Amino acid sequence: MKNPVLGGVLAVIAVVVLIGLYSSAFIVNQTQQALVLRLGDPLTPITSPGLHWKIPFIDSVVYLDKRILDLENPSQEVIASDQKRLVVDAFARYRISNPLRFYQAVGT
């Protein structure tokens, strides 16, 4: 005779193991780099794409872009010292070369 309680316990254990495996894996795309945070403290950055592992419920992952990013400010009108109106427009292009340093400086 089979024990139904043992089958139920094994089913619950199997579900818990599957949830643990699912929450411990993460994927880094080719255009991304990741920074694993262990209890809020950053660890070494991951720059290679693929499947990576973390400790579930303790580690969290912050994704940062590897590509060249644009930052555009809206045009502003300023008055110069000779009372002429000037329209100032600015933009910047940047790439995150050190994810750990970027996270420590910016926060996200």
PDB file of N, CA and C in Angstrom:
ATOM      1  N   MET A   1       0.825  -1.176   0.000  1.00  0.00           N
ATOM      2  CA  MET A   1       0.000   0.000   0.000  1.00  0.00           C
ATOM      3  C   MET A   1       0.880   1.254   0.000  1.00  0.00           C
ATOM      4  N   LYS A   2       0.465   2.232  -0.777  1.00  0.00           N
ATOM      5  CA  LYS A   2       1.213   3.482  -0.840  1.00  0.00           C
ATOM      6  C   LYS A   2       0.676   4.435   0.222  1.00  0.00           C
ATOM      7  N   ASN A   3       1.573   5.219   0.768  1.00  0.00           N
ATOM      8  CA  ASN A   3       1.199   6.176   1.797  1.00  0.00           C
ATOM      9  C   ASN A   3       0.885   7.518   1.125  1.00  0.00           C
ATOM     10  N   PRO A   4      -0.373   8.018   1.197  1.00  0.00           N
ATOM     11  CA  PRO A   4      -0.713   9.285   0.534  1.00  0.00           C
ATOM     12  C   PRO A   4      -0.058  10.496   1.192  1.00  0.00           C
ATOM     13  N   VAL A   5       0.238  10.415   2.473  1.00  0.00           N
ATOM     14  CA  VAL A   5       0.883  11.538   3.163  1.00  0.00           C
ATOM     15  C   VAL A   5       2.309  11.711   2.648  1.00  0.00           C
ATOM     16  N   LEU A   6       3.004  10.598   2.453  1.00  0.00           N
ATOM     17  CA  LEU A   6       4.368  10.662   1.940  1.00  0.00           C
ATOM     18  C   LEU A   6       4.401  11.248   0.531  1.00  0.00           C
ATOM     19  N   GLY A   7       3.434  10.888  -0.299  1.00  0.00           N
ATOM     20  CA  GLY A   7       3.346  11.453  -1.645  1.00  0.00           C
ATOM     21  C   GLY A   7       3.089  12.948  -1.618  1.00  0.00           C
ATOM     22  N   GLY A   8       2.247  13.413  -0.702  1.00  0.00           N
ATOM     23  CA  GLY A   8       1.975  14.848  -0.567  1.00  0.00           C
ATOM     24  C   GLY A   8       3.195  15.614  -0.098  1.00  0.00           C
ATOM     25  N   VAL A   9       3.924  15.038   0.862  1.00  0.00           N
ATOM     26  CA  VAL A   9       5.135  15.685   1.370  1.00  0.00           C
ATOM     27  C   VAL A   9       6.187  15.777   0.265  1.00  0.00           C
ATOM     28  N   LEU A  10       6.352  14.708  -0.501  1.00  0.00           N
ATOM     29  CA  LEU A  10       7.311  14.736  -1.608  1.00  0.00           C
ATOM     30  C   LEU A  10       6.918  15.754  -2.675  1.00  0.00           C
ATOM     31  N   ALA A  11       5.629  15.901  -2.931  1.00  0.00           N
ATOM     32  CA  ALA A  11       5.168  16.892  -3.903  1.00  0.00           C
ATOM     33  C   ALA A  11       5.474  18.304  -3.423  1.00  0.00           C
ATOM     34  N   VAL A  12       5.258  18.579  -2.144  1.00  0.00           N
ATOM     35  CA  VAL A  12       5.549  19.903  -1.588  1.00  0.00           C
ATOM     36  C   VAL A  12       7.053  20.178  -1.645  1.00  0.00           C
ATOM     37  N   ILE A  13       7.860  19.184  -1.311  1.00  0.00           N
ATOM     38  CA  ILE A  13       9.316  19.356  -1.366  1.00  0.00           C
ATOM     39  C   ILE A  13       9.770  19.619  -2.804  1.00  0.00           C
ATOM     40  N   ALA A  14       9.189  18.904  -3.761  1.00  0.00           N
ATOM     41  CA  ALA A  14       9.543  19.114  -5.167  1.00  0.00           C
ATOM     42  C   ALA A  14       9.180  20.520  -5.625  1.00  0.00           C
ATOM     43  N   VAL A  15       8.029  21.029  -5.205  1.00  0.00           N
ATOM     44  CA  VAL A  15       7.613  22.387  -5.576  1.00  0.00           C
ATOM     45  C   VAL A  15       8.556  23.418  -4.961  1.00  0.00           C
ATOM     46  N   VAL A  16       8.943  23.231  -3.706  1.00  0.00           N
ATOM     47  CA  VAL A  16       9.858  24.166  -3.046  1.00  0.00           C
ATOM     48  C   VAL A  16      11.219  24.162  -3.742  1.00  0.00           C
ATOM     49  N   VAL A  17      11.709  22.997  -4.127  1.00  0.00           N
ATOM     50  CA  VAL A  17      12.995  22.912  -4.830  1.00  0.00           C
ATOM     51  C   VAL A  17      12.912  23.603  -6.190  1.00  0.00           C
ATOM     52  N   LEU A  18      11.824  23.411  -6.922  1.00  0.00           N
ATOM     53  CA  LEU A  18      11.664  24.066  -8.224  1.00  0.00           C
ATOM     54  C   LEU A  18      11.587  25.584  -8.085  1.00  0.00           C
ATOM     55  N   ILE A  19      10.889  26.067  -7.076  1.00  0.00           N
ATOM     56  CA  ILE A  19      10.814  27.517  -6.846  1.00  0.00           C
ATOM     57  C   ILE A  19      12.195  28.061  -6.497  1.00  0.00           C
ATOM     58  N   GLY A  20      12.951  27.335  -5.684  1.00  0.00           N
ATOM     59  CA  GLY A  20      14.309  27.754  -5.337  1.00  0.00           C
ATOM     60  C   GLY A  20      15.227  27.810  -6.544  1.00  0.00           C
ATOM     61  N   LEU A  21      15.146  26.814  -7.419  1.00  0.00           N
ATOM     62  CA  LEU A  21      15.965  26.823  -8.637  1.00  0.00           C
ATOM     63  C   LEU A  21      15.569  27.954  -9.574  1.00  0.00           C
ATOM     64  N   TYR A  22      14.270  28.184  -9.704  1.00  0.00           N
ATOM     65  CA  TYR A  22      13.794  29.243 -10.595  1.00  0.00           C
ATOM     66  C   TYR A  22      14.218  30.621 -10.086  1.00  0.00           C
ATOM     67  N   SER A  23      14.184  30.832  -8.783  1.00  0.00           N
ATOM     68  CA  SER A  23      14.522  32.149  -8.250  1.00  0.00           C
ATOM     69  C   SER A  23      16.025  32.351  -8.103  1.00  0.00           C
ATOM     70  N   SER A  24      16.832  31.313  -8.294  1.00  0.00           N
ATOM     71  CA  SER A  24      18.272  31.488  -8.168  1.00  0.00           C
ATOM     72  C   SER A  24      18.971  31.703  -9.509  1.00  0.00           C
ATOM     73  N   ALA A  25      18.290  31.504 -10.613  1.00  0.00           N
ATOM     74  CA  ALA A  25      18.897  31.689 -11.931  1.00  0.00           C
ATOM     75  C   ALA A  25      18.492  33.039 -12.512  1.00  0.00           C
ATOM     76  N   PHE A  26      19.419  33.675 -13.225  1.00  0.00           N
ATOM     77  CA  PHE A  26      19.099  34.903 -13.949  1.00  0.00           C
ATOM     78  C   PHE A  26      19.909  34.936 -15.234  1.00  0.00           C
ATOM     79  N   ILE A  27      19.396  35.656 -16.217  1.00  0.00           N
ATOM     80  CA  ILE A  27      20.006  35.710 -17.544  1.00  0.00           C
ATOM     81  C   ILE A  27      20.511  37.122 -17.812  1.00  0.00           C
ATOM     82  N   VAL A  28      21.744  37.215 -18.280  1.00  0.00           N
ATOM     83  CA  VAL A  28      22.328  38.488 -18.692  1.00  0.00           C
ATOM     84  C   VAL A  28      22.371  38.486 -20.216  1.00  0.00           C
ATOM     85  N   ASN A  29      21.727  39.471 -20.838  1.00  0.00           N
ATOM     86  CA  ASN A  29      21.721  39.595 -22.297  1.00  0.00           C
ATOM     87  C   ASN A  29      23.053  40.155 -22.798  1.00  0.00           C
ATOM     88  N   GLN A  30      23.246  40.113 -24.113  1.00  0.00           N
ATOM     89  CA  GLN A  30      24.492  40.606 -24.704  1.00  0.00           C
ATOM     90  C   GLN A  30      24.655  42.108 -24.542  1.00  0.00           C
ATOM     91  N   THR A  31      23.560  42.829 -24.456  1.00  0.00           N
ATOM     92  CA  THR A  31      23.629  44.288 -24.337  1.00  0.00           C
ATOM     93  C   THR A  31      23.616  44.751 -22.888  1.00  0.00           C
ATOM     94  N   GLN A  32      23.687  43.818 -21.950  1.00  0.00           N
ATOM     95  CA  GLN A  32      23.609  44.159 -20.535  1.00  0.00           C
ATOM     96  C   GLN A  32      24.844  43.686 -19.786  1.00  0.00           C
ATOM     97  N   GLN A  33      25.022  44.275 -18.631  1.00  0.00           N
ATOM     98  CA  GLN A  33      25.941  43.770 -17.630  1.00  0.00           C
ATOM     99  C   GLN A  33      25.176  43.797 -16.313  1.00  0.00           C
ATOM    100  N   ALA A  34      25.517  42.921 -15.415  1.00  0.00           N
ATOM    101  CA  ALA A  34      24.746  42.780 -14.185  1.00  0.00           C
ATOM    102  C   ALA A  34      25.646  42.969 -12.979  1.00  0.00           C
ATOM    103  N   LEU A  35      25.029  43.423 -11.913  1.00  0.00           N
ATOM    104  CA  LEU A  35      25.713  43.581 -10.641  1.00  0.00           C
ATOM    105  C   LEU A  35      24.869  42.867  -9.594  1.00  0.00           C
ATOM    106  N   VAL A  36      25.440  41.863  -8.956  1.00  0.00           N
ATOM    107  CA  VAL A  36      24.722  41.099  -7.939  1.00  0.00           C
ATOM    108  C   VAL A  36      24.914  41.798  -6.602  1.00  0.00           C
ATOM    109  N   LEU A  37      23.806  42.062  -5.921  1.00  0.00           N
ATOM    110  CA  LEU A  37      23.836  42.700  -4.608  1.00  0.00           C
ATOM    111  C   LEU A  37      23.507  41.651  -3.554  1.00  0.00           C
ATOM    112  N   ARG A  38      24.401  41.435  -2.638  1.00  0.00           N
ATOM    113  CA  ARG A  38      24.159  40.505  -1.540  1.00  0.00           C
ATOM    114  C   ARG A  38      23.806  41.323  -0.310  1.00  0.00           C
ATOM    115  N   LEU A  39      22.527  41.261   0.057  1.00  0.00           N
ATOM    116  CA  LEU A  39      21.986  42.033   1.175  1.00  0.00           C
ATOM    117  C   LEU A  39      22.282  43.522   1.006  1.00  0.00           C
ATOM    118  N   GLY A  40      22.248  44.001  -0.233  1.00  0.00           N
ATOM    119  CA  GLY A  40      22.451  45.411  -0.541  1.00  0.00           C
ATOM    120  C   GLY A  40      23.880  45.798  -0.851  1.00  0.00           C
ATOM    121  N   ASP A  41      24.840  44.940  -0.565  1.00  0.00           N
ATOM    122  CA  ASP A  41      26.243  45.238  -0.850  1.00  0.00           C
ATOM    123  C   ASP A  41      26.621  44.663  -2.213  1.00  0.00           C
ATOM    124  N   PRO A  42      27.203  45.480  -3.099  1.00  0.00           N
ATOM    125  CA  PRO A  42      27.533  44.987  -4.442  1.00  0.00           C
ATOM    126  C   PRO A  42      28.699  44.008  -4.425  1.00  0.00           C
ATOM    127  N   LEU A  43      28.576  42.975  -5.249  1.00  0.00           N
ATOM    128  CA  LEU A  43      29.647  42.002  -5.461  1.00  0.00           C
ATOM    129  C   LEU A  43      30.320  42.307  -6.794  1.00  0.00           C
ATOM    130  N   THR A  44      31.100  41.406  -7.295  1.00  0.00           N
ATOM    131  CA  THR A  44      31.787  41.640  -8.563  1.00  0.00           C
ATOM    132  C   THR A  44      30.786  41.705  -9.711  1.00  0.00           C
ATOM    133  N   PRO A  45      31.003  42.590 -10.672  1.00  0.00           N
ATOM    134  CA  PRO A  45      30.073  42.705 -11.803  1.00  0.00           C
ATOM    135  C   PRO A  45      30.195  41.527 -12.762  1.00  0.00           C
ATOM    136  N   ILE A  46      29.098  41.238 -13.441  1.00  0.00           N
ATOM    137  CA  ILE A  46      29.055  40.175 -14.444  1.00  0.00           C
ATOM    138  C   ILE A  46      28.899  40.842 -15.797  1.00  0.00           C
ATOM    139  N   THR A  47      29.902  40.706 -16.653  1.00  0.00           N
ATOM    140  CA  THR A  47      29.858  41.346 -17.967  1.00  0.00           C
ATOM    141  C   THR A  47      29.635  40.352 -19.094  1.00  0.00           C
ATOM    142  N   SER A  48      29.737  39.064 -18.813  1.00  0.00           N
ATOM    143  CA  SER A  48      29.555  38.059 -19.864  1.00  0.00           C
ATOM    144  C   SER A  48      28.086  37.656 -19.959  1.00  0.00           C
ATOM    145  N   PRO A  49      27.559  37.539 -21.174  1.00  0.00           N
ATOM    146  CA  PRO A  49      26.159  37.143 -21.321  1.00  0.00           C
ATOM    147  C   PRO A  49      25.967  35.665 -21.014  1.00  0.00           C
ATOM    148  N   GLY A  50      24.738  35.325 -20.639  1.00  0.00           N
ATOM    149  CA  GLY A  50      24.416  33.924 -20.398  1.00  0.00           C
ATOM    150  C   GLY A  50      23.650  33.724 -19.107  1.00  0.00           C
ATOM    151  N   LEU A  51      23.556  32.476 -18.701  1.00  0.00           N
ATOM    152  CA  LEU A  51      22.842  32.081 -17.496  1.00  0.00           C
ATOM    153  C   LEU A  51      23.798  32.134 -16.315  1.00  0.00           C
ATOM    154  N   HIS A  52      23.378  32.814 -15.254  1.00  0.00           N
ATOM    155  CA  HIS A  52      24.192  32.947 -14.048  1.00  0.00           C
ATOM    156  C   HIS A  52      23.329  32.601 -12.842  1.00  0.00           C
ATOM    157  N   TRP A  53      23.977  32.393 -11.712  1.00  0.00           N
ATOM    158  CA  TRP A  53      23.277  31.947 -10.508  1.00  0.00           C
ATOM    159  C   TRP A  53      23.480  32.922  -9.369  1.00  0.00           C
ATOM    160  N   LYS A  54      22.501  32.981  -8.486  1.00  0.00           N
ATOM    161  CA  LYS A  54      22.561  33.800  -7.280  1.00  0.00           C
ATOM    162  C   LYS A  54      21.899  33.031  -6.151  1.00  0.00           C
ATOM    163  N   ILE A  55      22.089  33.511  -4.937  1.00  0.00           N
ATOM    164  CA  ILE A  55      21.445  32.890  -3.781  1.00  0.00           C
ATOM    165  C   ILE A  55      20.036  33.465  -3.673  1.00  0.00           C
ATOM    166  N   PRO A  56      19.009  32.613  -3.720  1.00  0.00           N
ATOM    167  CA  PRO A  56      17.640  33.142  -3.694  1.00  0.00           C
ATOM    168  C   PRO A  56      17.326  33.840  -2.373  1.00  0.00           C
ATOM    169  N   PHE A  57      16.562  34.913  -2.480  1.00  0.00           N
ATOM    170  CA  PHE A  57      16.052  35.708  -1.365  1.00  0.00           C
ATOM    171  C   PHE A  57      17.151  36.464  -0.611  1.00  0.00           C
ATOM    172  N   ILE A  58      18.417  36.269  -0.940  1.00  0.00           N
ATOM    173  CA  ILE A  58      19.511  37.011  -0.314  1.00  0.00           C
ATOM    174  C   ILE A  58      20.146  37.951  -1.331  1.00  0.00           C
ATOM    175  N   ASP A  59      20.356  37.452  -2.541  1.00  0.00           N
ATOM    176  CA  ASP A  59      20.959  38.248  -3.607  1.00  0.00           C
ATOM    177  C   ASP A  59      19.874  38.864  -4.477  1.00  0.00           C
ATOM    178  N   SER A  60      20.155  40.061  -4.970  1.00  0.00           N
ATOM    179  CA  SER A  60      19.310  40.691  -5.986  1.00  0.00           C
ATOM    180  C   SER A  60      20.226  41.144  -7.119  1.00  0.00           C
ATOM    181  N   VAL A  61      19.647  41.349  -8.286  1.00  0.00           N
ATOM    182  CA  VAL A  61      20.439  41.661  -9.476  1.00  0.00           C
ATOM    183  C   VAL A  61      20.021  43.017 -10.025  1.00  0.00           C
ATOM    184  N   VAL A  62      21.007  43.857 -10.337  1.00  0.00           N
ATOM    185  CA  VAL A  62      20.783  45.144 -10.989  1.00  0.00           C
ATOM    186  C   VAL A  62      21.394  45.036 -12.383  1.00  0.00           C
ATOM    187  N   TYR A  63      20.582  45.324 -13.402  1.00  0.00           N
ATOM    188  CA  TYR A  63      21.047  45.260 -14.788  1.00  0.00           C
ATOM    189  C   TYR A  63      21.427  46.658 -15.262  1.00  0.00           C
ATOM    190  N   LEU A  64      22.584  46.767 -15.915  1.00  0.00           N
ATOM    191  CA  LEU A  64      23.057  48.024 -16.484  1.00  0.00           C
ATOM    192  C   LEU A  64      23.354  47.794 -17.958  1.00  0.00           C
ATOM    193  N   ASP A  65      23.173  48.834 -18.753  1.00  0.00           N
ATOM    194  CA  ASP A  65      23.340  48.713 -20.199  1.00  0.00           C
ATOM    195  C   ASP A  65      24.807  48.831 -20.590  1.00  0.00           C
ATOM    196  N   LYS A  66      25.240  48.017 -21.545  1.00  0.00           N
ATOM    197  CA  LYS A  66      26.610  48.070 -22.068  1.00  0.00           C
ATOM    198  C   LYS A  66      26.745  49.039 -23.233  1.00  0.00           C
ATOM    199  N   ARG A  67      25.635  49.354 -23.878  1.00  0.00           N
ATOM    200  CA  ARG A  67      25.679  50.167 -25.094  1.00  0.00           C
ATOM    201  C   ARG A  67      25.984  51.628 -24.775  1.00  0.00           C
ATOM    202  N   ILE A  68      26.249  52.392 -25.817  1.00  0.00           N
ATOM    203  CA  ILE A  68      26.444  53.831 -25.659  1.00  0.00           C
ATOM    204  C   ILE A  68      25.075  54.459 -25.447  1.00  0.00           C
ATOM    205  N   LEU A  69      24.935  55.206 -24.366  1.00  0.00           N
ATOM    206  CA  LEU A  69      23.656  55.793 -23.977  1.00  0.00           C
ATOM    207  C   LEU A  69      23.656  57.284 -24.264  1.00  0.00           C
ATOM    208  N   ASP A  70      22.470  57.825 -24.496  1.00  0.00           N
ATOM    209  CA  ASP A  70      22.302  59.254 -24.768  1.00  0.00           C
ATOM    210  C   ASP A  70      21.626  59.924 -23.588  1.00  0.00           C
ATOM    211  N   LEU A  71      22.048  61.141 -23.314  1.00  0.00           N
ATOM    212  CA  LEU A  71      21.410  61.978 -22.307  1.00  0.00           C
ATOM    213  C   LEU A  71      21.168  63.330 -22.955  1.00  0.00           C
ATOM    214  N   GLU A  72      19.901  63.696 -23.110  1.00  0.00           N
ATOM    215  CA  GLU A  72      19.560  64.965 -23.744  1.00  0.00           C
ATOM    216  C   GLU A  72      18.810  65.843 -22.760  1.00  0.00           C
ATOM    217  N   ASN A  73      19.257  67.078 -22.654  1.00  0.00           N
ATOM    218  CA  ASN A  73      18.561  68.069 -21.840  1.00  0.00           C
ATOM    219  C   ASN A  73      17.679  68.906 -22.749  1.00  0.00           C
ATOM    220  N   PRO A  74      16.516  69.302 -22.275  1.00  0.00           N
ATOM    221  CA  PRO A  74      15.671  70.161 -23.112  1.00  0.00           C
ATOM    222  C   PRO A  74      16.320  71.537 -23.299  1.00  0.00           C
ATOM    223  N   SER A  75      15.993  72.165 -24.403  1.00  0.00           N
ATOM    224  CA  SER A  75      16.538  73.499 -24.689  1.00  0.00           C
ATOM    225  C   SER A  75      16.063  74.491 -23.641  1.00  0.00           C
ATOM    226  N   GLN A  76      16.970  75.367 -23.240  1.00  0.00           N
ATOM    227  CA  GLN A  76      16.637  76.412 -22.280  1.00  0.00           C
ATOM    228  C   GLN A  76      17.051  77.760 -22.849  1.00  0.00           C
ATOM    229  N   GLU A  77      16.268  78.749 -22.528  1.00  0.00           N
ATOM    230  CA  GLU A  77      16.577  80.099 -22.976  1.00  0.00           C
ATOM    231  C   GLU A  77      17.178  80.864 -21.810  1.00  0.00           C
ATOM    232  N   VAL A  78      18.342  81.464 -22.044  1.00  0.00           N
ATOM    233  CA  VAL A  78      19.021  82.248 -21.010  1.00  0.00           C
ATOM    234  C   VAL A  78      19.299  83.639 -21.560  1.00  0.00           C
ATOM    235  N   ILE A  79      19.450  84.565 -20.652  1.00  0.00           N
ATOM    236  CA  ILE A  79      19.758  85.942 -21.037  1.00  0.00           C
ATOM    237  C   ILE A  79      21.229  86.192 -20.727  1.00  0.00           C
ATOM    238  N   ALA A  80      21.985  86.587 -21.737  1.00  0.00           N
ATOM    239  CA  ALA A  80      23.413  86.843 -21.577  1.00  0.00           C
ATOM    240  C   ALA A  80      23.627  88.191 -20.898  1.00  0.00           C
ATOM    241  N   SER A  81      24.881  88.494 -20.596  1.00  0.00           N
ATOM    242  CA  SER A  81      25.189  89.749 -19.908  1.00  0.00           C
ATOM    243  C   SER A  81      24.903  90.968 -20.780  1.00  0.00           C
ATOM    244  N   ASP A  82      24.885  90.816 -22.101  1.00  0.00           N
ATOM    245  CA  ASP A  82      24.558  91.936 -22.983  1.00  0.00           C
ATOM    246  C   ASP A  82      23.062  91.965 -23.314  1.00  0.00           C
ATOM    247  N   GLN A  83      22.245  91.303 -22.509  1.00  0.00           N
ATOM    248  CA  GLN A  83      20.778  91.271 -22.599  1.00  0.00           C
ATOM    249  C   GLN A  83      20.260  90.615 -23.873  1.00  0.00           C
ATOM    250  N   LYS A  84      21.051  89.776 -24.492  1.00  0.00           N
ATOM    251  CA  LYS A  84      20.575  89.021 -25.647  1.00  0.00           C
ATOM    252  C   LYS A  84      20.106  87.653 -25.169  1.00  0.00           C
ATOM    253  N   ARG A  85      19.071  87.165 -25.820  1.00  0.00           N
ATOM    254  CA  ARG A  85      18.532  85.852 -25.463  1.00  0.00           C
ATOM    255  C   ARG A  85      19.283  84.774 -26.245  1.00  0.00           C
ATOM    256  N   LEU A  86      19.703  83.759 -25.516  1.00  0.00           N
ATOM    257  CA  LEU A  86      20.406  82.634 -26.117  1.00  0.00           C
ATOM    258  C   LEU A  86      19.640  81.351 -25.816  1.00  0.00           C
ATOM    259  N   VAL A  87      19.584  80.481 -26.801  1.00  0.00           N
ATOM    260  CA  VAL A  87      18.976  79.168 -26.597  1.00  0.00           C
ATOM    261  C   VAL A  87      20.119  78.169 -26.426  1.00  0.00           C
ATOM    262  N   VAL A  88      20.140  77.523 -25.271  1.00  0.00           N
ATOM    263  CA  VAL A  88      21.206  76.580 -24.943  1.00  0.00           C
ATOM    264  C   VAL A  88      20.639  75.165 -25.032  1.00  0.00           C
ATOM    265  N   ASP A  89      21.316  74.338 -25.808  1.00  0.00           N
ATOM    266  CA  ASP A  89      20.914  72.946 -25.979  1.00  0.00           C
ATOM    267  C   ASP A  89      22.137  72.082 -25.679  1.00  0.00           C
ATOM    268  N   ALA A  90      21.955  71.020 -24.887  1.00  0.00           N
ATOM    269  CA  ALA A  90      23.089  70.176 -24.517  1.00  0.00           C
ATOM    270  C   ALA A  90      22.712  68.702 -24.621  1.00  0.00           C
ATOM    271  N   PHE A  91      23.708  67.899 -24.936  1.00  0.00           N
ATOM    272  CA  PHE A  91      23.513  66.452 -24.940  1.00  0.00           C
ATOM    273  C   PHE A  91      24.835  65.791 -24.567  1.00  0.00           C
ATOM    274  N   ALA A  92      24.737  64.553 -24.154  1.00  0.00           N
ATOM    275  CA  ALA A  92      25.933  63.782 -23.810  1.00  0.00           C
ATOM    276  C   ALA A  92      25.730  62.335 -24.234  1.00  0.00           C
ATOM    277  N   ARG A  93      26.826  61.694 -24.579  1.00  0.00           N
ATOM    278  CA  ARG A  93      26.817  60.257 -24.892  1.00  0.00           C
ATOM    279  C   ARG A  93      27.826  59.606 -23.959  1.00  0.00           C
ATOM    280  N   TYR A  94      27.405  58.509 -23.339  1.00  0.00           N
ATOM    281  CA  TYR A  94      28.284  57.860 -22.377  1.00  0.00           C
ATOM    282  C   TYR A  94      28.079  56.349 -22.407  1.00  0.00           C
ATOM    283  N   ARG A  95      29.048  55.648 -21.853  1.00  0.00           N
ATOM    284  CA  ARG A  95      28.975  54.193 -21.714  1.00  0.00           C
ATOM    285  C   ARG A  95      29.457  53.845 -20.306  1.00  0.00           C
ATOM    286  N   ILE A  96      28.815  52.885 -19.682  1.00  0.00           N
ATOM    287  CA  ILE A  96      29.193  52.450 -18.340  1.00  0.00           C
ATOM    288  C   ILE A  96      30.326  51.435 -18.489  1.00  0.00           C
ATOM    289  N   SER A  97      31.539  51.850 -18.151  1.00  0.00           N
ATOM    290  CA  SER A  97      32.689  50.957 -18.296  1.00  0.00           C
ATOM    291  C   SER A  97      32.988  50.190 -17.008  1.00  0.00           C
ATOM    292  N   ASN A  98      32.608  50.740 -15.869  1.00  0.00           N
ATOM    293  CA  ASN A  98      32.830  50.073 -14.589  1.00  0.00           C
ATOM    294  C   ASN A  98      31.501  50.029 -13.838  1.00  0.00           C
ATOM    295  N   PRO A  99      30.756  48.918 -13.903  1.00  0.00           N
ATOM    296  CA  PRO A  99      29.433  48.867 -13.289  1.00  0.00           C
ATOM    297  C   PRO A  99      29.451  49.045 -11.774  1.00  0.00           C
ATOM    298  N   LEU A 100      30.483  48.534 -11.111  1.00  0.00           N
ATOM    299  CA  LEU A 100      30.556  48.666  -9.660  1.00  0.00           C
ATOM    300  C   LEU A 100      30.723  50.124  -9.256  1.00  0.00           C
ATOM    301  N   ARG A 101      31.613  50.820  -9.930  1.00  0.00           N
ATOM    302  CA  ARG A 101      31.836  52.241  -9.631  1.00  0.00           C
ATOM    303  C   ARG A 101      30.604  53.082  -9.981  1.00  0.00           C
ATOM    304  N   PHE A 102      29.940  52.751 -11.097  1.00  0.00           N
ATOM    305  CA  PHE A 102      28.726  53.457 -11.490  1.00  0.00           C
ATOM    306  C   PHE A 102      27.633  53.265 -10.443  1.00  0.00           C
ATOM    307  N   TYR A 103      27.456  52.043  -9.964  1.00  0.00           N
ATOM    308  CA  TYR A 103      26.423  51.775  -8.960  1.00  0.00           C
ATOM    309  C   TYR A 103      26.730  52.500  -7.655  1.00  0.00           C
ATOM    310  N   GLN A 104      27.989  52.535  -7.255  1.00  0.00           N
ATOM    311  CA  GLN A 104      28.351  53.220  -6.018  1.00  0.00           C
ATOM    312  C   GLN A 104      28.151  54.727  -6.138  1.00  0.00           C
ATOM    313  N   ALA A 105      28.367  55.289  -7.329  1.00  0.00           N
ATOM    314  CA  ALA A 105      28.220  56.733  -7.512  1.00  0.00           C
ATOM    315  C   ALA A 105      26.766  57.144  -7.700  1.00  0.00           C
ATOM    316  N   VAL A 106      26.018  56.378  -8.490  1.00  0.00           N
ATOM    317  CA  VAL A 106      24.657  56.769  -8.848  1.00  0.00           C
ATOM    318  C   VAL A 106      23.627  56.077  -7.967  1.00  0.00           C
ATOM    319  N   GLY A 107      23.819  54.819  -7.700  1.00  0.00           N
ATOM    320  CA  GLY A 107      22.883  54.091  -6.841  1.00  0.00           C
ATOM    321  C   GLY A 107      21.989  53.130  -7.583  1.00  0.00           C
ATOM    322  N   THR A 108      21.667  53.410  -8.848  1.00  0.00           N
ATOM    323  CA  THR A 108      20.847  52.471  -9.628  1.00  0.00           C
ATOM    324  C   THR A 108      21.333  52.439 -11.053  1.00  0.00           C
TER     325      THR A 108
END
